[in-house]
Each structure stands twice: as C-alpha cells, then as structure tokens.
Amino acid sequence: MNIDQEPSEELSSDEDQEVEPLIEQETTKTEKTCEHYTRLCRLKAVCCDKFYACRFCHDEDNMHEMNRYLVQEIQCIKCNTEQKVRKDCISCGVKFGEYFCPKCRLYDRDRQQFHCDKCGLCRVGPKEKFYHCDTCSACLLKELEGKHKCVVDAAKSSCPICLEYLHTSRTGLQIPRCGHMMHMKCLEEYFKSGNFTCPLCKESLLDMSKYWDRMDEACASVEMPEELRGMKVEILCQDCHKECEQQFNTEGLKCINCGSYNTVRV
C-alpha cells in the first residue's frame, strides 16, 4: 500500500468510522445508545458491573479500558430487559443490530462487517475484498497482496503522528512506501504541514521524483563562492540508506545512488 499519488483508505479499519441513522425499526432518535454505534442494547462491563452503550463510552468515563470479550449480559433499550448476550431480545423480540458478532459482542447496522480470527476483532468489509497479512498483522485489500512493504506487526503499534493504538482504531489507516502504518487523516494533515518523510524511519512517504527534478534545477542555478567550489562532503541517503560523497551545494545534497535529496551529512 504505497502513497505514490494522493493518500487513500486502503486498510480495513476496526468496525467503522461513521455513524448513520438508527436501524430501520420502530424506533426514535432517543433510542440510539451513543454516537459510536447503531444498536438497541447496552453492554454490561464486567469491570464496573454497569451498563454502557459501548466499550468506547465506557472508556471515556473511566481510567481503564473495557474488555468487550468478557461481556456476558446486555440490556434492551426498548424494554430494559437484562439478558445474556444474544442477537434479539427475549422479551420484546427487537433485533439489537443488523450485524451481530458473538465473539466481539458487537452490535451495529450492516456495514458488511466480518470477523477476522487472526485480528481478533471485526473489520469493515466486504470480506471477499480483503486478506489478512500475517506479517503486518492486519486485513488489507487483496489487490495489495505482494505489492506493499511489510513491517512486522505494523498494525500492532501506535500511529507515529497522533500516538493512538492502530490495531483497534476505528479510523481509516494507510501504509506508506516505508511500511509504517498511520492514520490516513493524520497523514493528510502531516502532508499539509509540509512534511514528506516518515516520522519513524525518515524515508520519503511519496514518490518525490518530480520534486527532485526541480531540486536539480535549483542546485544547477547556484553560484557557489570561490572557497566552496570543489568542496565535497559525505552524505547518508534516508531513502536508499547508502552513503556517498557529493559536491557541496547550499540548495541540497543529492544521493548519487538513487537520486534522492532526502539526505543528511555524515
């Protein structure tokens, strides 16, 4: 999943990113439990012994995280009946969500979700368009299989820009050319700030060839002072990771191996 052009969402995120109107049943706007999901039940947190609209609502009100997999009881928001985890209410018969995953205790509207046993959670589908990359520990579009740079457990790390844990993030993710995952929205803002190198490895996140051509022109137009003409320096390229010797120029130092100006003096 590279970013040769504009960033685009190419990674399946945890559950979903937006909230749409409530399930098409005989409900009212007040019956929507929270802003995160469209469901008609609350989950009982084992840690607090209280009902919450969802795990995110719980985490916002507490200093600890709710373990969704330990939830054993739910409460119908139409008739308030407390019951074991199930798809529909034992009392009024209302369906708690168009989509239901008994493993994740996930209720929501239908977004073509699917449960990935290797991820250990539900992803936004459709399932047939994704495969699980064992190296990156993430569900990726099938068209990216064998065409992206893998980084071991890349998804089980924090976004290098906002520091949110990526594996359970509900925000769309992106894999740049270097393979270090980050939020797509964070990456877009990062670019707007004039940054083009990975916060972790310093490799170029985009195809910079056109910019390097402009740098060639800028360097060629510079008239170096007499005392600096012929001066050479050792540089390290942060794109190809090779060292070389290059003639000093105030506009930039070009790697003779790959042509990149993403270099530093050794």
C-alpha atoms as a PDB file:
ATOM      1  CA  MET A   1       0.000   0.000   0.000  1.00  0.00           C
ATOM      2  CA  ASN A   2       2.085   2.895  -1.156  1.00  0.00           C
ATOM      3  CA  ILE A   3       1.369   6.564  -1.486  1.00  0.00           C
ATOM      4  CA  ASP A   4       2.707   7.261  -4.941  1.00  0.00           C
ATOM      5  CA  GLN A   5      -0.291   9.558  -5.511  1.00  0.00           C
ATOM      6  CA  GLU A   6      -2.756  11.009  -3.042  1.00  0.00           C
ATOM      7  CA  PRO A   7      -3.381   9.057   0.180  1.00  0.00           C
ATOM      8  CA  SER A   8      -6.437   6.831   0.084  1.00  0.00           C
ATOM      9  CA  GLU A   9      -8.036   4.478   2.573  1.00  0.00           C
ATOM     10  CA  GLU A  10      -6.732   1.027   1.728  1.00  0.00           C
ATOM     11  CA  LEU A  11      -6.787  -0.755   5.054  1.00  0.00           C
ATOM     12  CA  SER A  12      -9.778  -2.317   6.753  1.00  0.00           C
ATOM     13  CA  SER A  13     -10.426  -0.452   9.997  1.00  0.00           C
ATOM     14  CA  ASP A  14     -11.807  -1.782  13.257  1.00  0.00           C
ATOM     15  CA  GLU A  15     -15.606  -1.867  12.980  1.00  0.00           C
ATOM     16  CA  ASP A  16     -16.474   1.503  11.342  1.00  0.00           C
ATOM     17  CA  GLN A  17     -15.717   5.205  11.090  1.00  0.00           C
ATOM     18  CA  GLU A  18     -19.068   6.951  10.797  1.00  0.00           C
ATOM     19  CA  VAL A  19     -22.427   6.716  12.451  1.00  0.00           C
ATOM     20  CA  GLU A  20     -25.564   6.716  10.313  1.00  0.00           C
ATOM     21  CA  PRO A  21     -29.281   6.774  11.237  1.00  0.00           C
ATOM     22  CA  LEU A  22     -30.658   4.105  13.546  1.00  0.00           C
ATOM     23  CA  ILE A  23     -31.692   0.674  12.298  1.00  0.00           C
ATOM     24  CA  GLU A  24     -34.919   0.828  10.329  1.00  0.00           C
ATOM     25  CA  GLN A  25     -37.255  -0.451  13.006  1.00  0.00           C
ATOM     26  CA  GLU A  26     -39.962   1.231  15.051  1.00  0.00           C
ATOM     27  CA  THR A  27     -37.515   3.384  16.985  1.00  0.00           C
ATOM     28  CA  THR A  28     -36.953   7.032  17.817  1.00  0.00           C
ATOM     29  CA  LYS A  29     -33.830   9.152  17.793  1.00  0.00           C
ATOM     30  CA  THR A  30     -33.658   8.976  21.578  1.00  0.00           C
ATOM     31  CA  GLU A  31     -33.287   5.186  21.393  1.00  0.00           C
ATOM     32  CA  LYS A  32     -29.870   5.445  19.814  1.00  0.00           C
ATOM     33  CA  THR A  33     -27.469   4.480  22.569  1.00  0.00           C
ATOM     34  CA  CYS A  34     -24.415   6.532  21.560  1.00  0.00           C
ATOM     35  CA  GLU A  35     -22.506   8.250  18.753  1.00  0.00           C
ATOM     36  CA  HIS A  36     -20.278   5.248  18.071  1.00  0.00           C
ATOM     37  CA  TYR A  37     -22.707   2.506  17.031  1.00  0.00           C
ATOM     38  CA  THR A  38     -26.240   1.927  15.828  1.00  0.00           C
ATOM     39  CA  ARG A  39     -27.664  -0.659  18.232  1.00  0.00           C
ATOM     40  CA  LEU A  40     -30.596  -1.249  20.532  1.00  0.00           C
ATOM     41  CA  CYS A  41     -28.863  -2.644  23.589  1.00  0.00           C
ATOM     42  CA  ARG A  42     -26.321  -1.742  26.256  1.00  0.00           C
ATOM     43  CA  LEU A  43     -23.377  -3.882  27.343  1.00  0.00           C
ATOM     44  CA  LYS A  44     -22.651  -4.739  30.970  1.00  0.00           C
ATOM     45  CA  ALA A  45     -18.987  -4.093  31.743  1.00  0.00           C
ATOM     46  CA  VAL A  46     -17.629  -6.863  33.965  1.00  0.00           C
ATOM     47  CA  CYS A  47     -15.024  -4.496  35.401  1.00  0.00           C
ATOM     48  CA  CYS A  48     -17.581  -1.941  36.647  1.00  0.00           C
ATOM     49  CA  ASP A  49     -20.754  -4.052  36.849  1.00  0.00           C
ATOM     50  CA  LYS A  50     -22.572  -1.270  34.981  1.00  0.00           C
ATOM     51  CA  PHE A  51     -24.299  -0.988  31.609  1.00  0.00           C
ATOM     52  CA  TYR A  52     -22.730   1.163  28.903  1.00  0.00           C
ATOM     53  CA  ALA A  53     -23.777   1.967  25.354  1.00  0.00           C
ATOM     54  CA  CYS A  54     -20.456   0.580  24.074  1.00  0.00           C
ATOM     55  CA  ARG A  55     -16.858  -0.006  25.069  1.00  0.00           C
ATOM     56  CA  PHE A  56     -15.839   3.455  23.823  1.00  0.00           C
ATOM     57  CA  CYS A  57     -18.456   5.126  26.030  1.00  0.00           C
ATOM     58  CA  HIS A  58     -17.129   3.115  28.955  1.00  0.00           C
ATOM     59  CA  ASP A  59     -13.522   4.077  28.266  1.00  0.00           C
ATOM     60  CA  GLU A  60     -14.436   7.769  28.017  1.00  0.00           C
ATOM     61  CA  ASP A  61     -15.907   7.664  31.538  1.00  0.00           C
ATOM     62  CA  ASN A  62     -13.230   5.530  33.190  1.00  0.00           C
ATOM     63  CA  MET A  63      -9.464   5.392  33.642  1.00  0.00           C
ATOM     64  CA  HIS A  64      -9.360   1.793  32.412  1.00  0.00           C
ATOM     65  CA  GLU A  65     -10.483   0.007  29.258  1.00  0.00           C
ATOM     66  CA  MET A  66     -13.472  -2.273  28.933  1.00  0.00           C
ATOM     67  CA  ASN A  67     -12.804  -5.833  27.777  1.00  0.00           C
ATOM     68  CA  ARG A  68     -15.529  -6.435  25.204  1.00  0.00           C
ATOM     69  CA  TYR A  69     -14.860 -10.175  25.077  1.00  0.00           C
ATOM     70  CA  LEU A  70     -15.792 -10.638  28.757  1.00  0.00           C
ATOM     71  CA  VAL A  71     -19.284  -9.147  28.368  1.00  0.00           C
ATOM     72  CA  GLN A  72     -21.916 -11.715  29.365  1.00  0.00           C
ATOM     73  CA  GLU A  73     -25.011  -9.568  29.857  1.00  0.00           C
ATOM     74  CA  ILE A  74     -26.834  -6.922  27.831  1.00  0.00           C
ATOM     75  CA  GLN A  75     -29.871  -4.697  28.363  1.00  0.00           C
ATOM     76  CA  CYS A  76     -32.539  -3.978  25.761  1.00  0.00           C
ATOM     77  CA  ILE A  77     -33.056  -0.219  25.411  1.00  0.00           C
ATOM     78  CA  LYS A  78     -36.698  -0.678  24.310  1.00  0.00           C
ATOM     79  CA  CYS A  79     -37.988  -2.735  27.247  1.00  0.00           C
ATOM     80  CA  ASN A  80     -34.958  -2.589  29.635  1.00  0.00           C
ATOM     81  CA  THR A  81     -34.867  -6.391  29.928  1.00  0.00           C
ATOM     82  CA  GLU A  82     -31.484  -7.677  31.131  1.00  0.00           C
ATOM     83  CA  GLN A  83     -30.381 -10.896  29.453  1.00  0.00           C
ATOM     84  CA  LYS A  84     -27.457 -12.963  28.250  1.00  0.00           C
ATOM     85  CA  VAL A  85     -25.604 -11.919  25.088  1.00  0.00           C
ATOM     86  CA  ARG A  86     -27.822 -12.749  22.112  1.00  0.00           C
ATOM     87  CA  LYS A  87     -28.984 -11.336  18.781  1.00  0.00           C
ATOM     88  CA  ASP A  88     -32.535 -10.306  19.711  1.00  0.00           C
ATOM     89  CA  CYS A  89     -34.478  -9.511  22.878  1.00  0.00           C
ATOM     90  CA  ILE A  90     -36.030 -12.417  24.770  1.00  0.00           C
ATOM     91  CA  SER A  91     -38.825 -10.108  25.940  1.00  0.00           C
ATOM     92  CA  CYS A  92     -39.905  -7.757  23.134  1.00  0.00           C
ATOM     93  CA  GLY A  93     -38.177  -9.543  20.264  1.00  0.00           C
ATOM     94  CA  VAL A  94     -36.402  -6.462  18.888  1.00  0.00           C
ATOM     95  CA  LYS A  95     -33.246  -7.146  16.878  1.00  0.00           C
ATOM     96  CA  PHE A  96     -30.357  -5.414  18.644  1.00  0.00           C
ATOM     97  CA  GLY A  97     -28.375  -4.822  15.466  1.00  0.00           C
ATOM     98  CA  GLU A  98     -28.411  -5.696  11.785  1.00  0.00           C
ATOM     99  CA  TYR A  99     -24.899  -7.028  12.338  1.00  0.00           C
ATOM    100  CA  PHE A 100     -24.065  -9.168  15.365  1.00  0.00           C
ATOM    101  CA  CYS A 101     -20.766 -10.829  16.262  1.00  0.00           C
ATOM    102  CA  PRO A 102     -20.973 -13.132  19.303  1.00  0.00           C
ATOM    103  CA  LYS A 103     -17.162 -13.181  19.602  1.00  0.00           C
ATOM    104  CA  CYS A 104     -16.697  -9.397  19.760  1.00  0.00           C
ATOM    105  CA  ARG A 105     -20.069  -8.692  21.408  1.00  0.00           C
ATOM    106  CA  LEU A 106     -20.524  -6.272  18.538  1.00  0.00           C
ATOM    107  CA  TYR A 107     -23.964  -4.974  17.547  1.00  0.00           C
ATOM    108  CA  ASP A 108     -24.284  -2.435  14.750  1.00  0.00           C
ATOM    109  CA  ARG A 109     -26.015  -1.591  11.494  1.00  0.00           C
ATOM    110  CA  ASP A 110     -24.931  -3.642   8.485  1.00  0.00           C
ATOM    111  CA  ARG A 111     -21.662  -2.271   7.091  1.00  0.00           C
ATOM    112  CA  GLN A 112     -20.628  -5.586   5.516  1.00  0.00           C
ATOM    113  CA  GLN A 113     -18.515  -6.338   8.581  1.00  0.00           C
ATOM    114  CA  PHE A 114     -16.720  -9.626   9.039  1.00  0.00           C
ATOM    115  CA  HIS A 115     -14.883 -11.171  11.959  1.00  0.00           C
ATOM    116  CA  CYS A 116     -11.178 -11.893  11.447  1.00  0.00           C
ATOM    117  CA  ASP A 117      -9.918 -14.537  13.849  1.00  0.00           C
ATOM    118  CA  LYS A 118      -6.297 -13.532  13.245  1.00  0.00           C
ATOM    119  CA  CYS A 119      -7.029  -9.880  14.060  1.00  0.00           C
ATOM    120  CA  GLY A 120      -9.273 -10.979  16.901  1.00  0.00           C
ATOM    121  CA  LEU A 121     -11.972  -8.447  16.015  1.00  0.00           C
ATOM    122  CA  CYS A 122     -14.456  -7.365  13.359  1.00  0.00           C
ATOM    123  CA  ARG A 123     -13.407  -5.417  10.286  1.00  0.00           C
ATOM    124  CA  VAL A 124     -15.424  -3.373   7.808  1.00  0.00           C
ATOM    125  CA  GLY A 125     -15.845  -5.367   4.587  1.00  0.00           C
ATOM    126  CA  PRO A 126     -16.901  -6.716   2.291  1.00  0.00           C
ATOM    127  CA  LYS A 127     -14.923  -9.769   3.378  1.00  0.00           C
ATOM    128  CA  GLU A 128     -14.208 -11.022  -0.146  1.00  0.00           C
ATOM    129  CA  LYS A 129     -12.121  -7.915  -0.881  1.00  0.00           C
ATOM    130  CA  PHE A 130      -9.689  -8.422   1.992  1.00  0.00           C
ATOM    131  CA  TYR A 131      -6.995 -10.836   3.120  1.00  0.00           C
ATOM    132  CA  HIS A 132      -5.046 -10.992   6.377  1.00  0.00           C
ATOM    133  CA  CYS A 133      -1.347 -10.114   6.121  1.00  0.00           C
ATOM    134  CA  ASP A 134       0.373 -12.257   8.749  1.00  0.00           C
ATOM    135  CA  THR A 135       3.485 -10.075   8.758  1.00  0.00           C
ATOM    136  CA  CYS A 136       1.730  -6.730   9.153  1.00  0.00           C
ATOM    137  CA  SER A 137      -0.979  -8.280  11.395  1.00  0.00           C
ATOM    138  CA  ALA A 138      -3.766  -6.507   9.507  1.00  0.00           C
ATOM    139  CA  CYS A 139      -6.542  -7.071   6.976  1.00  0.00           C
ATOM    140  CA  LEU A 140      -5.550  -5.480   3.661  1.00  0.00           C
ATOM    141  CA  LEU A 141      -7.181  -5.182   0.272  1.00  0.00           C
ATOM    142  CA  LYS A 142      -6.434  -8.264  -1.836  1.00  0.00           C
ATOM    143  CA  GLU A 143      -5.030  -6.077  -4.597  1.00  0.00           C
ATOM    144  CA  LEU A 144      -2.177  -5.170  -2.230  1.00  0.00           C
ATOM    145  CA  GLU A 145      -1.077  -8.753  -1.646  1.00  0.00           C
ATOM    146  CA  GLY A 146       2.610  -8.965  -2.517  1.00  0.00           C
ATOM    147  CA  LYS A 147       2.638  -5.297  -3.557  1.00  0.00           C
ATOM    148  CA  HIS A 148       3.270  -3.479  -0.272  1.00  0.00           C
ATOM    149  CA  LYS A 149       6.268  -3.311   2.030  1.00  0.00           C
ATOM    150  CA  CYS A 150       5.634  -5.433   5.118  1.00  0.00           C
ATOM    151  CA  VAL A 151       6.760  -4.410   8.591  1.00  0.00           C
ATOM    152  CA  VAL A 152       6.413  -6.999  11.350  1.00  0.00           C
ATOM    153  CA  ASP A 153       3.293  -6.258  13.455  1.00  0.00           C
ATOM    154  CA  ALA A 154       2.923  -2.830  11.817  1.00  0.00           C
ATOM    155  CA  ALA A 155      -0.756  -2.713  12.805  1.00  0.00           C
ATOM    156  CA  LYS A 156       0.026  -3.559  16.427  1.00  0.00           C
ATOM    157  CA  SER A 157       1.747  -0.250  17.041  1.00  0.00           C
ATOM    158  CA  SER A 158       0.766   3.360  17.615  1.00  0.00           C
ATOM    159  CA  CYS A 159       0.222   5.944  14.911  1.00  0.00           C
ATOM    160  CA  PRO A 160       3.550   7.833  14.818  1.00  0.00           C
ATOM    161  CA  ILE A 161       1.652  11.122  14.441  1.00  0.00           C
ATOM    162  CA  CYS A 162      -1.207  11.012  16.986  1.00  0.00           C
ATOM    163  CA  LEU A 163       0.077   8.017  19.024  1.00  0.00           C
ATOM    164  CA  GLU A 164      -3.303   6.189  19.061  1.00  0.00           C
ATOM    165  CA  TYR A 165      -3.048   2.374  19.016  1.00  0.00           C
ATOM    166  CA  LEU A 166      -3.710   1.319  15.440  1.00  0.00           C
ATOM    167  CA  HIS A 167      -4.921  -2.275  15.786  1.00  0.00           C
ATOM    168  CA  THR A 168      -8.245  -1.316  17.359  1.00  0.00           C
ATOM    169  CA  SER A 169      -8.581   2.126  15.773  1.00  0.00           C
ATOM    170  CA  ARG A 170     -11.902   2.955  14.079  1.00  0.00           C
ATOM    171  CA  THR A 171     -10.200   5.489  11.796  1.00  0.00           C
ATOM    172  CA  GLY A 172      -9.003   4.531   8.305  1.00  0.00           C
ATOM    173  CA  LEU A 173      -5.336   3.580   8.079  1.00  0.00           C
ATOM    174  CA  GLN A 174      -2.669   3.960   5.422  1.00  0.00           C
ATOM    175  CA  ILE A 175       0.546   2.105   4.621  1.00  0.00           C
ATOM    176  CA  PRO A 176       3.144   4.456   3.096  1.00  0.00           C
ATOM    177  CA  ARG A 177       6.020   3.252   0.947  1.00  0.00           C
ATOM    178  CA  CYS A 178       8.182   2.590   4.022  1.00  0.00           C
ATOM    179  CA  GLY A 179       5.589   0.212   5.512  1.00  0.00           C
ATOM    180  CA  HIS A 180       4.946   2.084   8.780  1.00  0.00           C
ATOM    181  CA  MET A 181       1.183   2.358   9.232  1.00  0.00           C
ATOM    182  CA  MET A 182      -0.515   5.548  10.333  1.00  0.00           C
ATOM    183  CA  HIS A 183      -3.965   7.119  10.246  1.00  0.00           C
ATOM    184  CA  MET A 184      -4.954   8.376   6.820  1.00  0.00           C
ATOM    185  CA  LYS A 185      -6.299  11.637   8.270  1.00  0.00           C
ATOM    186  CA  CYS A 186      -3.126  12.144  10.300  1.00  0.00           C
ATOM    187  CA  LEU A 187      -1.047  11.573   7.188  1.00  0.00           C
ATOM    188  CA  GLU A 188      -3.065  14.102   5.187  1.00  0.00           C
ATOM    189  CA  GLU A 189      -2.542  16.755   7.882  1.00  0.00           C
ATOM    190  CA  TYR A 190       1.130  15.797   8.057  1.00  0.00           C
ATOM    191  CA  PHE A 191       1.496  16.495   4.334  1.00  0.00           C
ATOM    192  CA  LYS A 192      -0.344  19.825   4.671  1.00  0.00           C
ATOM    193  CA  SER A 193       2.279  20.856   7.240  1.00  0.00           C
ATOM    194  CA  GLY A 194       4.975  20.413   4.600  1.00  0.00           C
ATOM    195  CA  ASN A 195       6.334  17.087   5.848  1.00  0.00           C
ATOM    196  CA  PHE A 196       7.211  14.321   3.408  1.00  0.00           C
ATOM    197  CA  THR A 197       9.330  11.875   5.429  1.00  0.00           C
ATOM    198  CA  CYS A 198       8.168   9.112   7.785  1.00  0.00           C
ATOM    199  CA  PRO A 199       8.255  10.228  11.440  1.00  0.00           C
ATOM    200  CA  LEU A 200       9.829   6.866  12.324  1.00  0.00           C
ATOM    201  CA  CYS A 201      12.348   5.947   9.632  1.00  0.00           C
ATOM    202  CA  LYS A 202      12.683   9.286   7.763  1.00  0.00           C
ATOM    203  CA  GLU A 203      12.125   7.668   4.344  1.00  0.00           C
ATOM    204  CA  SER A 204      10.154   9.656   1.769  1.00  0.00           C
ATOM    205  CA  LEU A 205       6.437   8.881   2.030  1.00  0.00           C
ATOM    206  CA  LEU A 206       5.700   9.896  -1.572  1.00  0.00           C
ATOM    207  CA  ASP A 207       7.195   9.478  -4.999  1.00  0.00           C
ATOM    208  CA  MET A 208       9.380  12.604  -4.923  1.00  0.00           C
ATOM    209  CA  SER A 209      10.979  12.215  -8.372  1.00  0.00           C
ATOM    210  CA  LYS A 210       9.347  15.355  -9.829  1.00  0.00           C
ATOM    211  CA  TYR A 211      10.427  17.387  -6.813  1.00  0.00           C
ATOM    212  CA  TRP A 212      13.969  16.020  -7.115  1.00  0.00           C
ATOM    213  CA  ASP A 213      13.998  17.236 -10.748  1.00  0.00           C
ATOM    214  CA  ARG A 214      13.189  20.753  -9.519  1.00  0.00           C
ATOM    215  CA  MET A 215      15.946  20.402  -6.942  1.00  0.00           C
ATOM    216  CA  ASP A 216      18.376  19.528  -9.750  1.00  0.00           C
ATOM    217  CA  GLU A 217      17.476  22.794 -11.472  1.00  0.00           C
ATOM    218  CA  ALA A 218      17.799  24.773  -8.242  1.00  0.00           C
ATOM    219  CA  CYS A 219      21.227  23.289  -7.474  1.00  0.00           C
ATOM    220  CA  ALA A 220      22.427  23.911 -11.042  1.00  0.00           C
ATOM    221  CA  SER A 221      21.482  27.595 -10.803  1.00  0.00           C
ATOM    222  CA  VAL A 222      23.505  28.223  -7.633  1.00  0.00           C
ATOM    223  CA  GLU A 223      26.806  30.081  -7.952  1.00  0.00           C
ATOM    224  CA  MET A 224      28.962  28.766  -5.144  1.00  0.00           C
ATOM    225  CA  PRO A 225      31.526  31.073  -3.501  1.00  0.00           C
ATOM    226  CA  GLU A 226      35.129  30.545  -4.657  1.00  0.00           C
ATOM    227  CA  GLU A 227      36.170  28.989  -1.337  1.00  0.00           C
ATOM    228  CA  LEU A 228      33.394  26.360  -1.529  1.00  0.00           C
ATOM    229  CA  ARG A 229      33.796  25.315  -5.139  1.00  0.00           C
ATOM    230  CA  GLY A 230      35.019  21.756  -5.395  1.00  0.00           C
ATOM    231  CA  MET A 231      34.254  21.078  -1.728  1.00  0.00           C
ATOM    232  CA  LYS A 232      32.900  17.549  -1.199  1.00  0.00           C
ATOM    233  CA  VAL A 233      31.025  16.080   1.770  1.00  0.00           C
ATOM    234  CA  GLU A 234      29.980  12.618   2.911  1.00  0.00           C
ATOM    235  CA  ILE A 235      26.202  12.132   2.986  1.00  0.00           C
ATOM    236  CA  LEU A 236      23.733   9.424   4.035  1.00  0.00           C
ATOM    237  CA  CYS A 237      20.588   8.911   1.984  1.00  0.00           C
ATOM    238  CA  GLN A 238      17.498   8.313   4.123  1.00  0.00           C
ATOM    239  CA  ASP A 239      15.680   6.683   1.194  1.00  0.00           C
ATOM    240  CA  CYS A 240      18.162   4.052  -0.023  1.00  0.00           C
ATOM    241  CA  HIS A 241      20.226   4.079   3.203  1.00  0.00           C
ATOM    242  CA  LYS A 242      23.535   4.280   1.352  1.00  0.00           C
ATOM    243  CA  GLU A 243      26.437   6.647   1.917  1.00  0.00           C
ATOM    244  CA  CYS A 244      28.240   8.538  -0.823  1.00  0.00           C
ATOM    245  CA  GLU A 245      30.454  11.557  -1.458  1.00  0.00           C
ATOM    246  CA  GLN A 246      28.832  14.579  -3.102  1.00  0.00           C
ATOM    247  CA  GLN A 247      29.879  18.080  -4.061  1.00  0.00           C
ATOM    248  CA  PHE A 248      28.600  20.602  -1.537  1.00  0.00           C
ATOM    249  CA  ASN A 249      25.653  22.754  -2.604  1.00  0.00           C
ATOM    250  CA  THR A 250      23.655  25.167  -0.471  1.00  0.00           C
ATOM    251  CA  GLU A 251      20.358  24.086  -2.114  1.00  0.00           C
ATOM    252  CA  GLY A 252      20.655  20.370  -1.368  1.00  0.00           C
ATOM    253  CA  LEU A 253      22.828  17.277  -1.444  1.00  0.00           C
ATOM    254  CA  LYS A 254      21.826  14.631  -3.965  1.00  0.00           C
ATOM    255  CA  CYS A 255      22.353  10.892  -3.435  1.00  0.00           C
ATOM    256  CA  ILE A 256      24.339   9.545  -6.373  1.00  0.00           C
ATOM    257  CA  ASN A 257      22.830   6.077  -5.829  1.00  0.00           C
ATOM    258  CA  CYS A 258      19.089   6.785  -6.088  1.00  0.00           C
ATOM    259  CA  GLY A 259      18.862  10.479  -6.948  1.00  0.00           C
ATOM    260  CA  SER A 260      17.090  11.482  -3.724  1.00  0.00           C
ATOM    261  CA  TYR A 261      17.684  14.769  -1.926  1.00  0.00           C
ATOM    262  CA  ASN A 262      16.389  13.252   1.316  1.00  0.00           C
ATOM    263  CA  THR A 263      19.923  13.160   2.662  1.00  0.00           C
ATOM    264  CA  VAL A 264      21.917  14.205   5.737  1.00  0.00           C
ATOM    265  CA  ARG A 265      25.596  14.920   6.151  1.00  0.00           C
ATOM    266  CA  VAL A 266      27.604  12.207   7.874  1.00  0.00           C
END
